[in-house]
Amino acid sequence: MDLFSQISCLVFIGGTLIIDCARAKITQFVFPEFPYKDSSKHELLFHEYESACEQSPQCLHQKALNRVRCVRECVSPSCYMDIYQKDPLEEGEVDVRLNSFKGCFIQRMGRPR
């Protein structure tokens, strides 16, 4: 990081240093990416499986995040393993992997992307 970047990345509020980006650790979030074309057919198919899994005995009584994890694994165990197994979805996390999960699901269902 050059000197300008370091200086511009410091955030002061009332004379107090709040953020020092030069010292912040940057972590790279890597996961398998599957292309997903957002179409009504794909969404309908995904939501049919998702609804069935939400009502399944294994997921029905789960709460919050555990329910989301359960439903995703039920929808496609192999896609869940590829995308979420090594780094499970966490409480409050914005799920940037969902479209890749849907793409994986559609691909493995044998439907055109």
PDB file of N, CA and C in Angstrom:
ATOM      1  N   MET A   1       0.858  -1.175   0.000  1.00  0.00           N
ATOM      2  CA  MET A   1       0.000   0.000   0.000  1.00  0.00           C
ATOM      3  C   MET A   1       0.897   1.229   0.000  1.00  0.00           C
ATOM      4  N   ASP A   2       0.686   2.167  -0.909  1.00  0.00           N
ATOM      5  CA  ASP A   2       1.514   3.359  -0.974  1.00  0.00           C
ATOM      6  C   ASP A   2       1.121   4.355   0.123  1.00  0.00           C
ATOM      7  N   LEU A   3       1.947   5.389   0.295  1.00  0.00           N
ATOM      8  CA  LEU A   3       1.730   6.368   1.361  1.00  0.00           C
ATOM      9  C   LEU A   3       0.385   7.062   1.224  1.00  0.00           C
ATOM     10  N   PHE A   4      -0.015   7.436  -0.008  1.00  0.00           N
ATOM     11  CA  PHE A   4      -1.299   8.104  -0.222  1.00  0.00           C
ATOM     12  C   PHE A   4      -2.451   7.203   0.225  1.00  0.00           C
ATOM     13  N   SER A   5      -2.381   5.934  -0.118  1.00  0.00           N
ATOM     14  CA  SER A   5      -3.442   4.998   0.270  1.00  0.00           C
ATOM     15  C   SER A   5      -3.526   4.879   1.783  1.00  0.00           C
ATOM     16  N   GLN A   6      -2.369   4.841   2.432  1.00  0.00           N
ATOM     17  CA  GLN A   6      -2.358   4.731   3.883  1.00  0.00           C
ATOM     18  C   GLN A   6      -2.968   5.971   4.521  1.00  0.00           C
ATOM     19  N   ILE A   7      -2.618   7.123   4.013  1.00  0.00           N
ATOM     20  CA  ILE A   7      -3.133   8.368   4.572  1.00  0.00           C
ATOM     21  C   ILE A   7      -4.629   8.488   4.318  1.00  0.00           C
ATOM     22  N   SER A   8      -5.065   8.175   3.106  1.00  0.00           N
ATOM     23  CA  SER A   8      -6.482   8.320   2.777  1.00  0.00           C
ATOM     24  C   SER A   8      -7.342   7.276   3.471  1.00  0.00           C
ATOM     25  N   CYS A   9      -6.714   6.259   4.004  1.00  0.00           N
ATOM     26  CA  CYS A   9      -7.467   5.188   4.628  1.00  0.00           C
ATOM     27  C   CYS A   9      -7.635   5.406   6.138  1.00  0.00           C
ATOM     28  N   LEU A  10      -6.989   6.399   6.678  1.00  0.00           N
ATOM     29  CA  LEU A  10      -7.155   6.707   8.088  1.00  0.00           C
ATOM     30  C   LEU A  10      -8.434   7.513   8.264  1.00  0.00           C
ATOM     31  N   VAL A  11      -9.240   7.141   9.233  1.00  0.00           N
ATOM     32  CA  VAL A  11     -10.495   7.845   9.472  1.00  0.00           C
ATOM     33  C   VAL A  11     -10.451   8.437  10.877  1.00  0.00           C
ATOM     34  N   PHE A  12     -10.553   9.755  10.937  1.00  0.00           N
ATOM     35  CA  PHE A  12     -10.539  10.446  12.218  1.00  0.00           C
ATOM     36  C   PHE A  12     -11.915  11.031  12.493  1.00  0.00           C
ATOM     37  N   ILE A  13     -12.373  10.866  13.711  1.00  0.00           N
ATOM     38  CA  ILE A  13     -13.611  11.502  14.148  1.00  0.00           C
ATOM     39  C   ILE A  13     -13.299  12.192  15.465  1.00  0.00           C
ATOM     40  N   GLY A  14     -13.432  13.509  15.468  1.00  0.00           N
ATOM     41  CA  GLY A  14     -13.152  14.276  16.675  1.00  0.00           C
ATOM     42  C   GLY A  14     -11.732  14.086  17.176  1.00  0.00           C
ATOM     43  N   GLY A  15     -10.779  13.927  16.256  1.00  0.00           N
ATOM     44  CA  GLY A  15      -9.385  13.769  16.640  1.00  0.00           C
ATOM     45  C   GLY A  15      -9.012  12.355  17.052  1.00  0.00           C
ATOM     46  N   THR A  16      -9.959  11.435  17.044  1.00  0.00           N
ATOM     47  CA  THR A  16      -9.685  10.051  17.434  1.00  0.00           C
ATOM     48  C   THR A  16      -9.597   9.169  16.196  1.00  0.00           C
ATOM     49  N   LEU A  17      -8.546   8.376  16.120  1.00  0.00           N
ATOM     50  CA  LEU A  17      -8.389   7.448  15.006  1.00  0.00           C
ATOM     51  C   LEU A  17      -9.398   6.320  15.176  1.00  0.00           C
ATOM     52  N   ILE A  18     -10.281   6.188  14.207  1.00  0.00           N
ATOM     53  CA  ILE A  18     -11.320   5.164  14.262  1.00  0.00           C
ATOM     54  C   ILE A  18     -10.911   3.938  13.449  1.00  0.00           C
ATOM     55  N   ILE A  19     -10.430   4.153  12.231  1.00  0.00           N
ATOM     56  CA  ILE A  19     -10.070   3.045  11.358  1.00  0.00           C
ATOM     57  C   ILE A  19      -8.686   3.295  10.778  1.00  0.00           C
ATOM     58  N   ASP A  20      -7.841   2.323  10.847  1.00  0.00           N
ATOM     59  CA  ASP A  20      -6.531   2.373  10.218  1.00  0.00           C
ATOM     60  C   ASP A  20      -6.462   1.208   9.240  1.00  0.00           C
ATOM     61  N   CYS A  21      -6.807   1.480   7.983  1.00  0.00           N
ATOM     62  CA  CYS A  21      -6.872   0.427   6.970  1.00  0.00           C
ATOM     63  C   CYS A  21      -5.511  -0.187   6.685  1.00  0.00           C
ATOM     64  N   ALA A  22      -4.445   0.559   6.927  1.00  0.00           N
ATOM     65  CA  ALA A  22      -3.112   0.037   6.655  1.00  0.00           C
ATOM     66  C   ALA A  22      -2.791  -1.134   7.575  1.00  0.00           C
ATOM     67  N   ARG A  23      -3.387  -1.159   8.739  1.00  0.00           N
ATOM     68  CA  ARG A  23      -3.120  -2.235   9.692  1.00  0.00           C
ATOM     69  C   ARG A  23      -4.196  -3.311   9.681  1.00  0.00           C
ATOM     70  N   ALA A  24      -5.265  -3.051   8.961  1.00  0.00           N
ATOM     71  CA  ALA A  24      -6.353  -4.033   8.900  1.00  0.00           C
ATOM     72  C   ALA A  24      -5.916  -5.216   8.048  1.00  0.00           C
ATOM     73  N   LYS A  25      -6.303  -6.397   8.479  1.00  0.00           N
ATOM     74  CA  LYS A  25      -5.985  -7.595   7.712  1.00  0.00           C
ATOM     75  C   LYS A  25      -7.077  -7.810   6.672  1.00  0.00           C
ATOM     76  N   ILE A  26      -6.651  -8.097   5.478  1.00  0.00           N
ATOM     77  CA  ILE A  26      -7.597  -8.366   4.404  1.00  0.00           C
ATOM     78  C   ILE A  26      -7.669  -9.874   4.215  1.00  0.00           C
ATOM     79  N   THR A  27      -8.872 -10.402   4.311  1.00  0.00           N
ATOM     80  CA  THR A  27      -9.057 -11.826   4.080  1.00  0.00           C
ATOM     81  C   THR A  27      -9.809 -12.009   2.774  1.00  0.00           C
ATOM     82  N   GLN A  28      -9.354 -12.968   2.024  1.00  0.00           N
ATOM     83  CA  GLN A  28      -9.991 -13.237   0.743  1.00  0.00           C
ATOM     84  C   GLN A  28     -10.985 -14.377   0.928  1.00  0.00           C
ATOM     85  N   PHE A  29     -12.206 -14.144   0.490  1.00  0.00           N
ATOM     86  CA  PHE A  29     -13.286 -15.114   0.609  1.00  0.00           C
ATOM     87  C   PHE A  29     -13.385 -15.857  -0.712  1.00  0.00           C
ATOM     88  N   VAL A  30     -13.025 -17.138  -0.710  1.00  0.00           N
ATOM     89  CA  VAL A  30     -13.004 -17.920  -1.937  1.00  0.00           C
ATOM     90  C   VAL A  30     -13.975 -19.083  -1.810  1.00  0.00           C
ATOM     91  N   PHE A  31     -14.780 -19.279  -2.843  1.00  0.00           N
ATOM     92  CA  PHE A  31     -15.700 -20.409  -2.885  1.00  0.00           C
ATOM     93  C   PHE A  31     -15.936 -20.765  -4.347  1.00  0.00           C
ATOM     94  N   PRO A  32     -16.352 -21.995  -4.624  1.00  0.00           N
ATOM     95  CA  PRO A  32     -16.626 -22.365  -6.018  1.00  0.00           C
ATOM     96  C   PRO A  32     -17.770 -21.522  -6.574  1.00  0.00           C
ATOM     97  N   GLU A  33     -17.586 -21.023  -7.763  1.00  0.00           N
ATOM     98  CA  GLU A  33     -18.626 -20.198  -8.381  1.00  0.00           C
ATOM     99  C   GLU A  33     -19.267 -20.956  -9.536  1.00  0.00           C
ATOM    100  N   PHE A  34     -20.580 -21.033  -9.495  1.00  0.00           N
ATOM    101  CA  PHE A  34     -21.364 -21.653 -10.548  1.00  0.00           C
ATOM    102  C   PHE A  34     -22.236 -20.567 -11.158  1.00  0.00           C
ATOM    103  N   PRO A  35     -22.217 -20.427 -12.474  1.00  0.00           N
ATOM    104  CA  PRO A  35     -23.052 -19.397 -13.097  1.00  0.00           C
ATOM    105  C   PRO A  35     -24.530 -19.686 -12.872  1.00  0.00           C
ATOM    106  N   TYR A  36     -25.280 -18.645 -12.613  1.00  0.00           N
ATOM    107  CA  TYR A  36     -26.715 -18.790 -12.389  1.00  0.00           C
ATOM    108  C   TYR A  36     -27.458 -17.753 -13.203  1.00  0.00           C
ATOM    109  N   LYS A  37     -28.344 -18.222 -14.063  1.00  0.00           N
ATOM    110  CA  LYS A  37     -29.196 -17.323 -14.837  1.00  0.00           C
ATOM    111  C   LYS A  37     -30.522 -17.210 -14.103  1.00  0.00           C
ATOM    112  N   ASP A  38     -30.813 -16.017 -13.646  1.00  0.00           N
ATOM    113  CA  ASP A  38     -32.032 -15.763 -12.882  1.00  0.00           C
ATOM    114  C   ASP A  38     -33.230 -15.767 -13.826  1.00  0.00           C
ATOM    115  N   SER A  39     -33.930 -16.893 -13.875  1.00  0.00           N
ATOM    116  CA  SER A  39     -35.119 -16.987 -14.725  1.00  0.00           C
ATOM    117  C   SER A  39     -36.272 -17.517 -13.884  1.00  0.00           C
ATOM    118  N   SER A  40     -37.479 -17.287 -14.335  1.00  0.00           N
ATOM    119  CA  SER A  40     -38.644 -17.744 -13.565  1.00  0.00           C
ATOM    120  C   SER A  40     -38.661 -19.267 -13.451  1.00  0.00           C
ATOM    121  N   LYS A  41     -38.229 -19.979 -14.482  1.00  0.00           N
ATOM    122  CA  LYS A  41     -38.187 -21.448 -14.422  1.00  0.00           C
ATOM    123  C   LYS A  41     -37.197 -21.928 -13.371  1.00  0.00           C
ATOM    124  N   HIS A  42     -36.011 -21.319 -13.361  1.00  0.00           N
ATOM    125  CA  HIS A  42     -35.000 -21.712 -12.380  1.00  0.00           C
ATOM    126  C   HIS A  42     -35.457 -21.389 -10.959  1.00  0.00           C
ATOM    127  N   GLU A  43     -36.001 -20.188 -10.776  1.00  0.00           N
ATOM    128  CA  GLU A  43     -36.476 -19.788  -9.447  1.00  0.00           C
ATOM    129  C   GLU A  43     -37.603 -20.703  -8.970  1.00  0.00           C
ATOM    130  N   LEU A  44     -38.518 -21.035  -9.858  1.00  0.00           N
ATOM    131  CA  LEU A  44     -39.634 -21.912  -9.504  1.00  0.00           C
ATOM    132  C   LEU A  44     -39.130 -23.288  -9.084  1.00  0.00           C
ATOM    133  N   LEU A  45     -38.208 -23.842  -9.852  1.00  0.00           N
ATOM    134  CA  LEU A  45     -37.645 -25.153  -9.518  1.00  0.00           C
ATOM    135  C   LEU A  45     -36.930 -25.108  -8.168  1.00  0.00           C
ATOM    136  N   PHE A  46     -36.101 -24.084  -7.974  1.00  0.00           N
ATOM    137  CA  PHE A  46     -35.366 -23.962  -6.716  1.00  0.00           C
ATOM    138  C   PHE A  46     -36.333 -23.826  -5.542  1.00  0.00           C
ATOM    139  N   HIS A  47     -37.347 -22.983  -5.691  1.00  0.00           N
ATOM    140  CA  HIS A  47     -38.286 -22.750  -4.589  1.00  0.00           C
ATOM    141  C   HIS A  47     -39.173 -23.958  -4.307  1.00  0.00           C
ATOM    142  N   GLU A  48     -39.430 -24.778  -5.312  1.00  0.00           N
ATOM    143  CA  GLU A  48     -40.165 -26.026  -5.070  1.00  0.00           C
ATOM    144  C   GLU A  48     -39.364 -26.938  -4.146  1.00  0.00           C
ATOM    145  N   TYR A  49     -38.081 -27.091  -4.437  1.00  0.00           N
ATOM    146  CA  TYR A  49     -37.213 -27.916  -3.595  1.00  0.00           C
ATOM    147  C   TYR A  49     -37.039 -27.281  -2.221  1.00  0.00           C
ATOM    148  N   GLU A  50     -36.838 -25.982  -2.203  1.00  0.00           N
ATOM    149  CA  GLU A  50     -36.648 -25.264  -0.943  1.00  0.00           C
ATOM    150  C   GLU A  50     -37.878 -25.419  -0.046  1.00  0.00           C
ATOM    151  N   SER A  51     -39.066 -25.271  -0.607  1.00  0.00           N
ATOM    152  CA  SER A  51     -40.308 -25.409   0.173  1.00  0.00           C
ATOM    153  C   SER A  51     -40.474 -26.821   0.709  1.00  0.00           C
ATOM    154  N   ALA A  52     -40.185 -27.804  -0.130  1.00  0.00           N
ATOM    155  CA  ALA A  52     -40.277 -29.195   0.317  1.00  0.00           C
ATOM    156  C   ALA A  52     -39.304 -29.457   1.465  1.00  0.00           C
ATOM    157  N   CYS A  53     -38.106 -28.927   1.356  1.00  0.00           N
ATOM    158  CA  CYS A  53     -37.101 -29.131   2.405  1.00  0.00           C
ATOM    159  C   CYS A  53     -37.470 -28.397   3.694  1.00  0.00           C
ATOM    160  N   GLU A  54     -38.069 -27.216   3.574  1.00  0.00           N
ATOM    161  CA  GLU A  54     -38.504 -26.475   4.767  1.00  0.00           C
ATOM    162  C   GLU A  54     -39.540 -27.267   5.554  1.00  0.00           C
ATOM    163  N   GLN A  55     -40.327 -28.075   4.859  1.00  0.00           N
ATOM    164  CA  GLN A  55     -41.379 -28.862   5.504  1.00  0.00           C
ATOM    165  C   GLN A  55     -40.923 -30.271   5.874  1.00  0.00           C
ATOM    166  N   SER A  56     -39.697 -30.613   5.539  1.00  0.00           N
ATOM    167  CA  SER A  56     -39.189 -31.952   5.850  1.00  0.00           C
ATOM    168  C   SER A  56     -38.992 -32.098   7.357  1.00  0.00           C
ATOM    169  N   PRO A  57     -39.138 -33.315   7.881  1.00  0.00           N
ATOM    170  CA  PRO A  57     -38.963 -33.533   9.324  1.00  0.00           C
ATOM    171  C   PRO A  57     -37.595 -33.086   9.844  1.00  0.00           C
ATOM    172  N   GLN A  58     -36.561 -33.219   9.024  1.00  0.00           N
ATOM    173  CA  GLN A  58     -35.223 -32.851   9.497  1.00  0.00           C
ATOM    174  C   GLN A  58     -35.035 -31.343   9.651  1.00  0.00           C
ATOM    175  N   CYS A  59     -35.779 -30.534   8.892  1.00  0.00           N
ATOM    176  CA  CYS A  59     -35.599 -29.078   8.932  1.00  0.00           C
ATOM    177  C   CYS A  59     -36.756 -28.325   9.586  1.00  0.00           C
ATOM    178  N   LEU A  60     -37.915 -28.955   9.667  1.00  0.00           N
ATOM    179  CA  LEU A  60     -39.137 -28.284  10.098  1.00  0.00           C
ATOM    180  C   LEU A  60     -39.004 -27.561  11.435  1.00  0.00           C
ATOM    181  N   HIS A  61     -38.354 -28.169  12.398  1.00  0.00           N
ATOM    182  CA  HIS A  61     -38.292 -27.588  13.745  1.00  0.00           C
ATOM    183  C   HIS A  61     -36.976 -26.859  14.027  1.00  0.00           C
ATOM    184  N   GLN A  62     -36.139 -26.745  13.022  1.00  0.00           N
ATOM    185  CA  GLN A  62     -34.899 -25.982  13.188  1.00  0.00           C
ATOM    186  C   GLN A  62     -35.243 -24.492  13.219  1.00  0.00           C
ATOM    187  N   LYS A  63     -34.427 -23.725  13.860  1.00  0.00           N
ATOM    188  CA  LYS A  63     -34.650 -22.278  13.972  1.00  0.00           C
ATOM    189  C   LYS A  63     -33.535 -21.504  13.276  1.00  0.00           C
ATOM    190  N   ALA A  64     -33.905 -20.367  12.734  1.00  0.00           N
ATOM    191  CA  ALA A  64     -32.995 -19.354  12.182  1.00  0.00           C
ATOM    192  C   ALA A  64     -31.910 -19.944  11.285  1.00  0.00           C
ATOM    193  N   LEU A  65     -30.661 -19.716  11.644  1.00  0.00           N
ATOM    194  CA  LEU A  65     -29.535 -20.106  10.805  1.00  0.00           C
ATOM    195  C   LEU A  65     -29.451 -21.620  10.618  1.00  0.00           C
ATOM    196  N   ASN A  66     -29.733 -22.371  11.664  1.00  0.00           N
ATOM    197  CA  ASN A  66     -29.698 -23.832  11.531  1.00  0.00           C
ATOM    198  C   ASN A  66     -30.721 -24.313  10.509  1.00  0.00           C
ATOM    199  N   ARG A  67     -31.846 -23.638  10.440  1.00  0.00           N
ATOM    200  CA  ARG A  67     -32.877 -23.990   9.453  1.00  0.00           C
ATOM    201  C   ARG A  67     -32.394 -23.688   8.032  1.00  0.00           C
ATOM    202  N   VAL A  68     -31.773 -22.535   7.846  1.00  0.00           N
ATOM    203  CA  VAL A  68     -31.239 -22.172   6.529  1.00  0.00           C
ATOM    204  C   VAL A  68     -30.212 -23.205   6.091  1.00  0.00           C
ATOM    205  N   ARG A  69     -29.295 -23.549   6.985  1.00  0.00           N
ATOM    206  CA  ARG A  69     -28.272 -24.553   6.665  1.00  0.00           C
ATOM    207  C   ARG A  69     -28.908 -25.891   6.319  1.00  0.00           C
ATOM    208  N   CYS A  70     -29.884 -26.306   7.118  1.00  0.00           N
ATOM    209  CA  CYS A  70     -30.565 -27.578   6.910  1.00  0.00           C
ATOM    210  C   CYS A  70     -31.267 -27.607   5.555  1.00  0.00           C
ATOM    211  N   VAL A  71     -31.978 -26.539   5.239  1.00  0.00           N
ATOM    212  CA  VAL A  71     -32.719 -26.469   3.974  1.00  0.00           C
ATOM    213  C   VAL A  71     -31.755 -26.509   2.793  1.00  0.00           C
ATOM    214  N   ARG A  72     -30.669 -25.748   2.859  1.00  0.00           N
ATOM    215  CA  ARG A  72     -29.707 -25.740   1.750  1.00  0.00           C
ATOM    216  C   ARG A  72     -29.107 -27.131   1.551  1.00  0.00           C
ATOM    217  N   GLU A  73     -28.759 -27.780   2.645  1.00  0.00           N
ATOM    218  CA  GLU A  73     -28.173 -29.119   2.526  1.00  0.00           C
ATOM    219  C   GLU A  73     -29.190 -30.115   1.981  1.00  0.00           C
ATOM    220  N   CYS A  74     -30.446 -29.961   2.358  1.00  0.00           N
ATOM    221  CA  CYS A  74     -31.519 -30.821   1.867  1.00  0.00           C
ATOM    222  C   CYS A  74     -31.768 -30.593   0.374  1.00  0.00           C
ATOM    223  N   VAL A  75     -31.751 -29.347  -0.067  1.00  0.00           N
ATOM    224  CA  VAL A  75     -31.997 -29.012  -1.474  1.00  0.00           C
ATOM    225  C   VAL A  75     -30.959 -29.696  -2.367  1.00  0.00           C
ATOM    226  N   SER A  76     -29.698 -29.618  -1.984  1.00  0.00           N
ATOM    227  CA  SER A  76     -28.634 -30.261  -2.760  1.00  0.00           C
ATOM    228  C   SER A  76     -27.443 -30.561  -1.861  1.00  0.00           C
ATOM    229  N   PRO A  77     -27.383 -31.784  -1.339  1.00  0.00           N
ATOM    230  CA  PRO A  77     -26.258 -32.140  -0.465  1.00  0.00           C
ATOM    231  C   PRO A  77     -24.892 -31.931  -1.130  1.00  0.00           C
ATOM    232  N   SER A  78     -24.769 -32.265  -2.414  1.00  0.00           N
ATOM    233  CA  SER A  78     -23.464 -32.128  -3.073  1.00  0.00           C
ATOM    234  C   SER A  78     -23.086 -30.657  -3.266  1.00  0.00           C
ATOM    235  N   CYS A  79     -24.049 -29.814  -3.617  1.00  0.00           N
ATOM    236  CA  CYS A  79     -23.761 -28.379  -3.766  1.00  0.00           C
ATOM    237  C   CYS A  79     -23.454 -27.753  -2.407  1.00  0.00           C
ATOM    238  N   TYR A  80     -24.197 -28.166  -1.384  1.00  0.00           N
ATOM    239  CA  TYR A  80     -23.936 -27.659  -0.036  1.00  0.00           C
ATOM    240  C   TYR A  80     -22.503 -27.992   0.373  1.00  0.00           C
ATOM    241  N   MET A  81     -22.100 -29.235   0.109  1.00  0.00           N
ATOM    242  CA  MET A  81     -20.753 -29.659   0.480  1.00  0.00           C
ATOM    243  C   MET A  81     -19.707 -28.832  -0.273  1.00  0.00           C
ATOM    244  N   ASP A  82     -19.918 -28.620  -1.556  1.00  0.00           N
ATOM    245  CA  ASP A  82     -18.947 -27.867  -2.356  1.00  0.00           C
ATOM    246  C   ASP A  82     -18.855 -26.401  -1.954  1.00  0.00           C
ATOM    247  N   ILE A  83     -19.970 -25.796  -1.589  1.00  0.00           N
ATOM    248  CA  ILE A  83     -19.997 -24.345  -1.383  1.00  0.00           C
ATOM    249  C   ILE A  83     -19.936 -23.929   0.085  1.00  0.00           C
ATOM    250  N   TYR A  84     -20.587 -24.665   0.964  1.00  0.00           N
ATOM    251  CA  TYR A  84     -20.702 -24.231   2.364  1.00  0.00           C
ATOM    252  C   TYR A  84     -19.944 -25.091   3.380  1.00  0.00           C
ATOM    253  N   GLN A  85     -19.586 -26.315   3.030  1.00  0.00           N
ATOM    254  CA  GLN A  85     -19.033 -27.241   4.020  1.00  0.00           C
ATOM    255  C   GLN A  85     -17.770 -26.711   4.697  1.00  0.00           C
ATOM    256  N   LYS A  86     -16.837 -26.178   3.917  1.00  0.00           N
ATOM    257  CA  LYS A  86     -15.562 -25.718   4.487  1.00  0.00           C
ATOM    258  C   LYS A  86     -15.692 -24.419   5.274  1.00  0.00           C
ATOM    259  N   ASP A  87     -16.697 -23.627   4.934  1.00  0.00           N
ATOM    260  CA  ASP A  87     -16.907 -22.337   5.599  1.00  0.00           C
ATOM    261  C   ASP A  87     -18.412 -22.115   5.753  1.00  0.00           C
ATOM    262  N   PRO A  88     -19.011 -22.703   6.801  1.00  0.00           N
ATOM    263  CA  PRO A  88     -20.470 -22.626   6.968  1.00  0.00           C
ATOM    264  C   PRO A  88     -20.969 -21.185   7.093  1.00  0.00           C
ATOM    265  N   LEU A  89     -22.180 -21.001   6.647  1.00  0.00           N
ATOM    266  CA  LEU A  89     -22.851 -19.716   6.772  1.00  0.00           C
ATOM    267  C   LEU A  89     -22.921 -19.339   8.250  1.00  0.00           C
ATOM    268  N   GLU A  90     -22.603 -18.077   8.561  1.00  0.00           N
ATOM    269  CA  GLU A  90     -22.586 -17.618   9.949  1.00  0.00           C
ATOM    270  C   GLU A  90     -23.726 -16.649  10.214  1.00  0.00           C
ATOM    271  N   GLU A  91     -24.088 -16.529  11.471  1.00  0.00           N
ATOM    272  CA  GLU A  91     -25.150 -15.612  11.900  1.00  0.00           C
ATOM    273  C   GLU A  91     -24.818 -14.198  11.442  1.00  0.00           C
ATOM    274  N   GLY A  92     -25.763 -13.552  10.770  1.00  0.00           N
ATOM    275  CA  GLY A  92     -25.589 -12.181  10.313  1.00  0.00           C
ATOM    276  C   GLY A  92     -24.828 -12.032   9.009  1.00  0.00           C
ATOM    277  N   GLU A  93     -24.303 -13.118   8.484  1.00  0.00           N
ATOM    278  CA  GLU A  93     -23.547 -13.065   7.232  1.00  0.00           C
ATOM    279  C   GLU A  93     -24.488 -12.838   6.051  1.00  0.00           C
ATOM    280  N   VAL A  94     -24.100 -11.943   5.162  1.00  0.00           N
ATOM    281  CA  VAL A  94     -24.828 -11.768   3.912  1.00  0.00           C
ATOM    282  C   VAL A  94     -24.386 -12.916   3.011  1.00  0.00           C
ATOM    283  N   ASP A  95     -25.328 -13.705   2.553  1.00  0.00           N
ATOM    284  CA  ASP A  95     -24.984 -14.913   1.808  1.00  0.00           C
ATOM    285  C   ASP A  95     -24.678 -14.597   0.348  1.00  0.00           C
ATOM    286  N   VAL A  96     -23.421 -14.267   0.085  1.00  0.00           N
ATOM    287  CA  VAL A  96     -22.992 -13.963  -1.278  1.00  0.00           C
ATOM    288  C   VAL A  96     -22.835 -15.226  -2.112  1.00  0.00           C
ATOM    289  N   ARG A  97     -22.952 -16.382  -1.477  1.00  0.00           N
ATOM    290  CA  ARG A  97     -22.789 -17.659  -2.180  1.00  0.00           C
ATOM    291  C   ARG A  97     -24.105 -18.221  -2.709  1.00  0.00           C
ATOM    292  N   LEU A  98     -25.227 -17.606  -2.378  1.00  0.00           N
ATOM    293  CA  LEU A  98     -26.528 -18.174  -2.732  1.00  0.00           C
ATOM    294  C   LEU A  98     -26.704 -18.356  -4.237  1.00  0.00           C
ATOM    295  N   ASN A  99     -26.332 -17.367  -5.036  1.00  0.00           N
ATOM    296  CA  ASN A  99     -26.488 -17.531  -6.484  1.00  0.00           C
ATOM    297  C   ASN A  99     -25.607 -18.651  -7.024  1.00  0.00           C
ATOM    298  N   SER A 100     -24.410 -18.820  -6.479  1.00  0.00           N
ATOM    299  CA  SER A 100     -23.568 -19.947  -6.886  1.00  0.00           C
ATOM    300  C   SER A 100     -24.212 -21.262  -6.472  1.00  0.00           C
ATOM    301  N   PHE A 101     -24.831 -21.273  -5.306  1.00  0.00           N
ATOM    302  CA  PHE A 101     -25.529 -22.474  -4.847  1.00  0.00           C
ATOM    303  C   PHE A 101     -26.674 -22.807  -5.804  1.00  0.00           C
ATOM    304  N   LYS A 102     -27.441 -21.790  -6.177  1.00  0.00           N
ATOM    305  CA  LYS A 102     -28.541 -22.009  -7.121  1.00  0.00           C
ATOM    306  C   LYS A 102     -28.015 -22.483  -8.474  1.00  0.00           C
ATOM    307  N   GLY A 103     -26.916 -21.900  -8.934  1.00  0.00           N
ATOM    308  CA  GLY A 103     -26.309 -22.315 -10.200  1.00  0.00           C
ATOM    309  C   GLY A 103     -25.857 -23.759 -10.157  1.00  0.00           C
ATOM    310  N   CYS A 104     -25.251 -24.146  -9.046  1.00  0.00           N
ATOM    311  CA  CYS A 104     -24.831 -25.533  -8.846  1.00  0.00           C
ATOM    312  C   CYS A 104     -26.043 -26.454  -8.869  1.00  0.00           C
ATOM    313  N   PHE A 105     -27.082 -26.074  -8.153  1.00  0.00           N
ATOM    314  CA  PHE A 105     -28.316 -26.859  -8.088  1.00  0.00           C
ATOM    315  C   PHE A 105     -28.906 -27.065  -9.484  1.00  0.00           C
ATOM    316  N   ILE A 106     -29.037 -25.993 -10.251  1.00  0.00           N
ATOM    317  CA  ILE A 106     -29.611 -26.076 -11.598  1.00  0.00           C
ATOM    318  C   ILE A 106     -28.731 -26.955 -12.488  1.00  0.00           C
ATOM    319  N   GLN A 107     -27.428 -26.744 -12.402  1.00  0.00           N
ATOM    320  CA  GLN A 107     -26.489 -27.522 -13.217  1.00  0.00           C
ATOM    321  C   GLN A 107     -26.605 -29.013 -12.908  1.00  0.00           C
ATOM    322  N   ARG A 108     -26.674 -29.344 -11.647  1.00  0.00           N
ATOM    323  CA  ARG A 108     -26.716 -30.758 -11.261  1.00  0.00           C
ATOM    324  C   ARG A 108     -28.087 -31.390 -11.457  1.00  0.00           C
ATOM    325  N   MET A 109     -29.092 -30.564 -11.635  1.00  0.00           N
ATOM    326  CA  MET A 109     -30.428 -31.084 -11.959  1.00  0.00           C
ATOM    327  C   MET A 109     -30.513 -31.435 -13.443  1.00  0.00           C
ATOM    328  N   GLY A 110     -29.481 -31.072 -14.201  1.00  0.00           N
ATOM    329  CA  GLY A 110     -29.457 -31.387 -15.620  1.00  0.00           C
ATOM    330  C   GLY A 110     -30.223 -30.417 -16.480  1.00  0.00           C
ATOM    331  N   ARG A 111     -30.528 -29.258 -15.920  1.00  0.00           N
ATOM    332  CA  ARG A 111     -31.260 -28.231 -16.672  1.00  0.00           C
ATOM    333  C   ARG A 111     -30.256 -27.298 -17.331  1.00  0.00           C
ATOM    334  N   PRO A 112     -30.638 -26.700 -18.452  1.00  0.00           N
ATOM    335  CA  PRO A 112     -29.737 -25.720 -19.074  1.00  0.00           C
ATOM    336  C   PRO A 112     -29.572 -24.495 -18.182  1.00  0.00           C
ATOM    337  N   ARG A 113     -28.373 -23.927 -18.207  1.00  0.00           N
ATOM    338  CA  ARG A 113     -28.098 -22.728 -17.424  1.00  0.00           C
ATOM    339  C   ARG A 113     -28.618 -21.585 -18.191  1.00  0.00           C
TER     340      ARG A 113
END
